[in-house]
Protein backbone atom coordinates (compact mmCIF):
# COMPACT_ATOMS: atom_id res chain seq x y z
CA UNK A 1 63.38 89.80 -99.18
CA UNK A 2 65.37 92.28 -99.63
CA UNK A 3 67.83 90.65 -102.01
CA UNK A 4 65.28 89.76 -104.23
CA UNK A 5 64.97 86.28 -102.75
CA UNK A 6 61.28 84.76 -102.25
CA UNK A 7 60.04 82.76 -99.66
CA UNK A 8 56.61 80.70 -99.63
CA UNK A 9 55.06 80.67 -96.43
CA UNK A 10 52.41 78.33 -95.17
CA UNK A 11 49.33 79.84 -92.91
CA UNK A 12 49.48 77.45 -90.05
CA UNK A 13 47.26 79.34 -87.62
CA UNK A 14 44.32 82.19 -87.58
CA UNK A 15 44.11 84.54 -84.49
CA UNK A 16 41.63 87.10 -83.90
CA UNK A 17 41.96 90.38 -81.61
CA UNK A 18 39.09 91.19 -78.94
CA UNK A 19 38.22 93.98 -81.72
CA UNK A 20 37.20 91.22 -84.33
CA UNK A 21 40.88 91.73 -86.36
CA UNK A 22 41.95 88.49 -88.06
CA UNK A 23 45.43 87.92 -88.65
CA UNK A 24 47.01 84.79 -90.37
CA UNK A 25 50.31 83.09 -88.50
CA UNK A 26 52.27 81.77 -91.09
CA UNK A 27 55.78 79.52 -91.38
CA UNK A 28 58.54 78.57 -93.96
CA UNK A 29 60.37 75.46 -92.91
CA UNK A 30 63.50 76.44 -94.82
CA UNK A 31 63.70 79.78 -92.99
CA UNK A 32 62.07 78.30 -90.01
CA UNK A 33 60.54 81.95 -89.72
CA UNK A 34 56.97 82.99 -88.70
CA UNK A 35 55.67 86.09 -90.08
CA UNK A 36 52.06 87.68 -89.57
CA UNK A 37 49.81 88.99 -92.13
CA UNK A 38 46.53 90.97 -91.82
CA UNK A 39 43.09 90.02 -92.95
CA UNK A 40 44.06 90.90 -96.72
CA UNK A 41 47.70 88.58 -96.69
CA UNK A 42 50.07 92.25 -96.14
CA UNK A 43 52.83 91.57 -93.72
CA UNK A 44 52.46 93.37 -90.50
CA UNK A 45 54.44 96.43 -90.44
CA UNK A 46 53.95 96.81 -86.22
CA UNK A 47 56.67 94.30 -84.96
CA UNK A 48 55.24 94.99 -81.54
CA UNK A 49 51.80 93.83 -82.61
CA UNK A 50 52.87 91.12 -85.04
CA UNK A 51 54.90 89.58 -81.71
CA UNK A 52 52.00 90.04 -79.41
CA UNK A 53 50.05 87.43 -82.20
CA UNK A 54 52.65 85.31 -81.78
CA UNK A 55 53.16 84.92 -78.74
CA UNK A 56 49.29 84.34 -78.21
CA UNK A 57 49.32 82.03 -81.32
CA UNK A 58 51.82 79.84 -78.99
CA UNK A 59 49.79 80.21 -76.14
CA UNK A 60 46.94 78.67 -78.11
CA UNK A 61 49.06 76.24 -79.59
CA UNK A 62 50.44 74.51 -76.52
CA UNK A 63 46.86 74.68 -74.86
CA UNK A 64 45.29 72.86 -78.05
CA UNK A 65 48.25 70.13 -77.85
CA UNK A 66 47.71 66.66 -76.85
CA UNK A 67 48.62 66.20 -73.25
CA UNK A 68 52.05 65.44 -71.94
CA UNK A 69 52.47 61.80 -72.04
CA UNK A 70 53.12 60.82 -68.22
CA UNK A 71 56.68 59.07 -67.34
């Protein structure tokens, strides 16, 4: 972080685009923050691409989650 604070993130998902590029979706519980890294672990500079990957990740996570219980 800019103030020198370090945050540890856990990889919670892997996403691959149509061109075969792999990205890791990482989450920090304390900060309640997601980040996206490339295949070698560098943070993505392209915020629009990172948001697109996060959106895809959330859709995939929702689709693969347990079915909602019926009332």
